[in-house]
Amino acid sequence: MMRWLALSALLAVSVTGCVTPAPFVASTAASPAVWQIAENPEGHLNREVLWGGMILEIKHRARYTELEMLGFPLDAQQQPQSERADEGRYILIVSGFLDPADYAVGRFLTFPGRITGARRGELRNEPYIWPMLDTLQPHLWPKDFREEGKHYSIGVGVRL
């Protein structure tokens, strides 16, 4: 009996080590979608959001990196759900230099951010508004994070 209990405990600990934890502490309030902010960006200045998406373009400036992102809703692990409809485009500002070898077009991020304004322009010959926000904590997902299939790992972890 004691052996069975020890084996069960070991199995429970090993299984929890395989769960991918969410990168950020979840807030109680859901973040609005990108398109909702784009409808009235001035009304959302300084609002905190938790967004995710795919990098469409990267531009390096003197003191920061600017990423054009395509927003996607997040799942329970705060991973962008690229199989769902996108929520629109936005501009993410990250202080300092992001290596384009790591932060390449097509990679996915999740981050807490703060709405700082909007950029107006044209997209496909139509007026478009890109909400702008900044972050200090971009979480870069592995290239294969959305792949289905068996993933094996060994470790101990706790998920709350």
C-alpha atoms as a PDB file:
ATOM      1  CA  MET A   1       0.000   0.000   0.000  1.00  0.00           C
ATOM      2  CA  MET A   2       2.795   2.385   0.899  1.00  0.00           C
ATOM      3  CA  ARG A   3       4.514   1.658  -2.412  1.00  0.00           C
ATOM      4  CA  TRP A   4       1.272   2.448  -4.316  1.00  0.00           C
ATOM      5  CA  LEU A   5       0.893   5.765  -2.456  1.00  0.00           C
ATOM      6  CA  ALA A   6       4.500   6.748  -3.172  1.00  0.00           C
ATOM      7  CA  LEU A   7       4.103   5.838  -6.843  1.00  0.00           C
ATOM      8  CA  SER A   8       0.895   7.891  -7.086  1.00  0.00           C
ATOM      9  CA  ALA A   9       2.585  10.914  -5.520  1.00  0.00           C
ATOM     10  CA  LEU A  10       5.552  10.609  -7.886  1.00  0.00           C
ATOM     11  CA  LEU A  11       3.225  10.361 -10.883  1.00  0.00           C
ATOM     12  CA  ALA A  12       1.244  13.437  -9.782  1.00  0.00           C
ATOM     13  CA  VAL A  13       4.418  15.500  -9.369  1.00  0.00           C
ATOM     14  CA  SER A  14       5.810  14.414 -12.744  1.00  0.00           C
ATOM     15  CA  VAL A  15       2.563  15.243 -14.571  1.00  0.00           C
ATOM     16  CA  THR A  16       2.371  18.747 -13.093  1.00  0.00           C
ATOM     17  CA  GLY A  17       5.903  19.359 -14.349  1.00  0.00           C
ATOM     18  CA  CYS A  18       4.655  18.921 -17.935  1.00  0.00           C
ATOM     19  CA  VAL A  19       2.068  21.704 -17.779  1.00  0.00           C
ATOM     20  CA  THR A  20       3.120  24.943 -19.462  1.00  0.00           C
ATOM     21  CA  PRO A  21       2.536  27.710 -16.943  1.00  0.00           C
ATOM     22  CA  ALA A  22       1.056  31.041 -17.967  1.00  0.00           C
ATOM     23  CA  PRO A  23       3.852  33.636 -18.264  1.00  0.00           C
ATOM     24  CA  PHE A  24       2.003  36.374 -16.347  1.00  0.00           C
ATOM     25  CA  VAL A  25      -0.265  36.569 -13.339  1.00  0.00           C
ATOM     26  CA  ALA A  26      -3.822  36.639 -14.656  1.00  0.00           C
ATOM     27  CA  SER A  27      -5.851  39.716 -13.842  1.00  0.00           C
ATOM     28  CA  THR A  28      -9.466  39.529 -12.844  1.00  0.00           C
ATOM     29  CA  ALA A  29     -10.562  41.887 -15.631  1.00  0.00           C
ATOM     30  CA  ALA A  30     -10.441  40.656 -19.207  1.00  0.00           C
ATOM     31  CA  SER A  31      -8.495  42.841 -21.620  1.00  0.00           C
ATOM     32  CA  PRO A  32     -10.468  44.435 -24.444  1.00  0.00           C
ATOM     33  CA  ALA A  33      -9.770  43.263 -27.984  1.00  0.00           C
ATOM     34  CA  VAL A  34      -7.457  45.279 -30.230  1.00  0.00           C
ATOM     35  CA  TRP A  35     -10.360  46.430 -32.414  1.00  0.00           C
ATOM     36  CA  GLN A  36     -12.198  47.751 -29.335  1.00  0.00           C
ATOM     37  CA  ILE A  37      -9.243  49.945 -28.400  1.00  0.00           C
ATOM     38  CA  ALA A  38      -8.843  51.078 -32.040  1.00  0.00           C
ATOM     39  CA  GLU A  39     -12.420  52.400 -32.030  1.00  0.00           C
ATOM     40  CA  ASN A  40     -11.522  54.949 -29.326  1.00  0.00           C
ATOM     41  CA  PRO A  41      -7.798  54.883 -28.436  1.00  0.00           C
ATOM     42  CA  GLU A  42      -7.882  58.232 -26.614  1.00  0.00           C
ATOM     43  CA  GLY A  43     -10.548  56.848 -24.282  1.00  0.00           C
ATOM     44  CA  HIS A  44      -8.230  54.027 -23.244  1.00  0.00           C
ATOM     45  CA  LEU A  45      -4.959  55.908 -22.653  1.00  0.00           C
ATOM     46  CA  ASN A  46      -2.857  54.348 -19.881  1.00  0.00           C
ATOM     47  CA  ARG A  47      -5.147  51.303 -19.699  1.00  0.00           C
ATOM     48  CA  GLU A  48      -3.341  48.094 -18.768  1.00  0.00           C
ATOM     49  CA  VAL A  49      -3.948  45.120 -21.082  1.00  0.00           C
ATOM     50  CA  LEU A  50      -2.662  41.590 -21.524  1.00  0.00           C
ATOM     51  CA  TRP A  51      -2.353  40.956 -25.262  1.00  0.00           C
ATOM     52  CA  GLY A  52      -0.666  38.512 -27.548  1.00  0.00           C
ATOM     53  CA  GLY A  53      -0.046  38.174 -31.224  1.00  0.00           C
ATOM     54  CA  MET A  54       2.258  37.523 -34.134  1.00  0.00           C
ATOM     55  CA  ILE A  55       5.107  39.791 -35.208  1.00  0.00           C
ATOM     56  CA  LEU A  56       4.449  41.286 -38.652  1.00  0.00           C
ATOM     57  CA  GLU A  57       7.330  43.769 -38.777  1.00  0.00           C
ATOM     58  CA  ILE A  58      10.240  44.869 -36.592  1.00  0.00           C
ATOM     59  CA  LYS A  59      11.872  48.314 -36.677  1.00  0.00           C
ATOM     60  CA  HIS A  60      14.803  49.432 -34.560  1.00  0.00           C
ATOM     61  CA  ARG A  61      14.877  53.009 -33.306  1.00  0.00           C
ATOM     62  CA  ALA A  62      17.548  54.829 -31.304  1.00  0.00           C
ATOM     63  CA  ARG A  63      16.286  53.751 -27.840  1.00  0.00           C
ATOM     64  CA  TYR A  64      13.516  51.254 -28.508  1.00  0.00           C
ATOM     65  CA  THR A  65      12.230  48.557 -30.825  1.00  0.00           C
ATOM     66  CA  GLU A  66       8.893  48.917 -32.576  1.00  0.00           C
ATOM     67  CA  LEU A  67       6.934  45.796 -33.488  1.00  0.00           C
ATOM     68  CA  GLU A  68       3.879  45.757 -35.716  1.00  0.00           C
ATOM     69  CA  MET A  69       1.735  42.966 -34.319  1.00  0.00           C
ATOM     70  CA  LEU A  70      -1.341  41.046 -35.431  1.00  0.00           C
ATOM     71  CA  GLY A  71      -3.402  40.450 -32.301  1.00  0.00           C
ATOM     72  CA  PHE A  72      -5.022  37.126 -31.427  1.00  0.00           C
ATOM     73  CA  PRO A  73      -7.153  36.138 -28.443  1.00  0.00           C
ATOM     74  CA  LEU A  74      -5.291  34.324 -25.659  1.00  0.00           C
ATOM     75  CA  ASP A  75      -6.060  30.843 -24.344  1.00  0.00           C
ATOM     76  CA  ALA A  76      -5.979  29.715 -20.694  1.00  0.00           C
ATOM     77  CA  GLN A  77      -2.154  29.513 -20.811  1.00  0.00           C
ATOM     78  CA  GLN A  78      -2.028  33.046 -22.253  1.00  0.00           C
ATOM     79  CA  GLN A  79      -0.845  31.730 -25.615  1.00  0.00           C
ATOM     80  CA  PRO A  80      -2.046  33.530 -28.760  1.00  0.00           C
ATOM     81  CA  GLN A  81      -4.663  31.414 -30.541  1.00  0.00           C
ATOM     82  CA  SER A  82      -3.529  31.786 -34.146  1.00  0.00           C
ATOM     83  CA  GLU A  83      -6.237  29.406 -35.372  1.00  0.00           C
ATOM     84  CA  ARG A  84      -8.909  31.927 -34.328  1.00  0.00           C
ATOM     85  CA  ALA A  85      -9.806  35.156 -36.127  1.00  0.00           C
ATOM     86  CA  ASP A  86      -7.346  37.987 -35.538  1.00  0.00           C
ATOM     87  CA  GLU A  87      -8.398  41.045 -33.516  1.00  0.00           C
ATOM     88  CA  GLY A  88      -6.533  43.646 -35.558  1.00  0.00           C
ATOM     89  CA  ARG A  89      -3.101  45.212 -35.779  1.00  0.00           C
ATOM     90  CA  TYR A  90      -1.260  47.289 -33.216  1.00  0.00           C
ATOM     91  CA  ILE A  91       2.164  48.770 -32.544  1.00  0.00           C
ATOM     92  CA  LEU A  92       4.168  47.451 -29.601  1.00  0.00           C
ATOM     93  CA  ILE A  93       7.040  49.551 -28.240  1.00  0.00           C
ATOM     94  CA  VAL A  94       9.755  47.756 -26.268  1.00  0.00           C
ATOM     95  CA  SER A  95      12.564  49.741 -24.648  1.00  0.00           C
ATOM     96  CA  GLY A  96      16.007  48.792 -25.930  1.00  0.00           C
ATOM     97  CA  PHE A  97      17.083  46.475 -28.723  1.00  0.00           C
ATOM     98  CA  LEU A  98      15.313  43.210 -29.562  1.00  0.00           C
ATOM     99  CA  ASP A  99      17.415  40.808 -31.589  1.00  0.00           C
ATOM    100  CA  PRO A 100      15.639  40.183 -34.931  1.00  0.00           C
ATOM    101  CA  ALA A 101      17.074  36.657 -34.964  1.00  0.00           C
ATOM    102  CA  ASP A 102      14.884  35.896 -31.939  1.00  0.00           C
ATOM    103  CA  TYR A 103      12.040  38.368 -32.503  1.00  0.00           C
ATOM    104  CA  ALA A 104      11.536  37.480 -36.156  1.00  0.00           C
ATOM    105  CA  VAL A 105       8.495  37.997 -38.367  1.00  0.00           C
ATOM    106  CA  GLY A 106       6.027  35.176 -37.673  1.00  0.00           C
ATOM    107  CA  ARG A 107       7.012  34.657 -34.009  1.00  0.00           C
ATOM    108  CA  PHE A 108       4.425  34.997 -31.237  1.00  0.00           C
ATOM    109  CA  LEU A 109       4.467  37.095 -28.070  1.00  0.00           C
ATOM    110  CA  THR A 110       2.320  37.630 -24.986  1.00  0.00           C
ATOM    111  CA  PHE A 111       2.870  40.651 -22.765  1.00  0.00           C
ATOM    112  CA  PRO A 112       1.290  43.026 -20.284  1.00  0.00           C
ATOM    113  CA  GLY A 113       1.194  46.509 -21.764  1.00  0.00           C
ATOM    114  CA  ARG A 114      -0.104  50.023 -21.371  1.00  0.00           C
ATOM    115  CA  ILE A 115      -2.000  51.890 -24.108  1.00  0.00           C
ATOM    116  CA  THR A 116      -0.019  55.020 -25.008  1.00  0.00           C
ATOM    117  CA  GLY A 117      -1.805  56.339 -28.101  1.00  0.00           C
ATOM    118  CA  ALA A 118      -2.588  55.481 -31.690  1.00  0.00           C
ATOM    119  CA  ARG A 119      -1.091  55.750 -35.149  1.00  0.00           C
ATOM    120  CA  ARG A 120      -3.370  56.619 -38.028  1.00  0.00           C
ATOM    121  CA  GLY A 121      -2.628  55.659 -41.600  1.00  0.00           C
ATOM    122  CA  GLU A 122      -3.759  53.436 -44.433  1.00  0.00           C
ATOM    123  CA  LEU A 123      -3.861  49.686 -44.691  1.00  0.00           C
ATOM    124  CA  ARG A 124      -4.773  48.272 -48.113  1.00  0.00           C
ATOM    125  CA  ASN A 125      -5.894  51.749 -49.252  1.00  0.00           C
ATOM    126  CA  GLU A 126      -8.341  52.089 -46.330  1.00  0.00           C
ATOM    127  CA  PRO A 127      -8.027  54.319 -43.240  1.00  0.00           C
ATOM    128  CA  TYR A 128      -6.691  52.325 -40.309  1.00  0.00           C
ATOM    129  CA  ILE A 129      -5.910  52.986 -36.639  1.00  0.00           C
ATOM    130  CA  TRP A 130      -3.106  51.059 -34.914  1.00  0.00           C
ATOM    131  CA  PRO A 131      -3.341  51.250 -31.117  1.00  0.00           C
ATOM    132  CA  MET A 132       0.105  51.844 -29.623  1.00  0.00           C
ATOM    133  CA  LEU A 133       1.282  50.394 -26.359  1.00  0.00           C
ATOM    134  CA  ASP A 134       4.472  49.769 -24.475  1.00  0.00           C
ATOM    135  CA  THR A 135       5.764  46.868 -22.440  1.00  0.00           C
ATOM    136  CA  LEU A 136       8.807  45.916 -20.439  1.00  0.00           C
ATOM    137  CA  GLN A 137       8.070  42.175 -20.394  1.00  0.00           C
ATOM    138  CA  PRO A 138       7.498  40.580 -23.804  1.00  0.00           C
ATOM    139  CA  HIS A 139       7.229  36.805 -23.513  1.00  0.00           C
ATOM    140  CA  LEU A 140       8.496  35.132 -26.696  1.00  0.00           C
ATOM    141  CA  TRP A 141       6.859  31.758 -27.304  1.00  0.00           C
ATOM    142  CA  PRO A 142       8.891  28.841 -28.690  1.00  0.00           C
ATOM    143  CA  LYS A 143       8.538  28.380 -32.438  1.00  0.00           C
ATOM    144  CA  ASP A 144       6.590  25.143 -31.958  1.00  0.00           C
ATOM    145  CA  PHE A 145       4.300  26.231 -29.104  1.00  0.00           C
ATOM    146  CA  ARG A 146       1.086  25.640 -31.116  1.00  0.00           C
ATOM    147  CA  GLU A 147       2.069  22.258 -32.530  1.00  0.00           C
ATOM    148  CA  GLU A 148      -0.121  19.381 -31.473  1.00  0.00           C
ATOM    149  CA  GLY A 149       1.409  16.106 -30.517  1.00  0.00           C
ATOM    150  CA  LYS A 150       3.374  14.548 -27.753  1.00  0.00           C
ATOM    151  CA  HIS A 151       5.826  16.685 -25.846  1.00  0.00           C
ATOM    152  CA  TYR A 152       7.909  15.065 -23.141  1.00  0.00           C
ATOM    153  CA  SER A 153       9.744  16.789 -20.362  1.00  0.00           C
ATOM    154  CA  ILE A 154      10.992  15.975 -16.902  1.00  0.00           C
ATOM    155  CA  GLY A 155      10.605  18.374 -14.060  1.00  0.00           C
ATOM    156  CA  VAL A 156       8.729  19.398 -11.010  1.00  0.00           C
ATOM    157  CA  GLY A 157       6.282  22.265 -11.077  1.00  0.00           C
ATOM    158  CA  VAL A 158       3.214  23.656  -9.449  1.00  0.00           C
ATOM    159  CA  ARG A 159       0.336  25.294 -11.233  1.00  0.00           C
ATOM    160  CA  LEU A 160      -2.123  27.454  -9.361  1.00  0.00           C
END
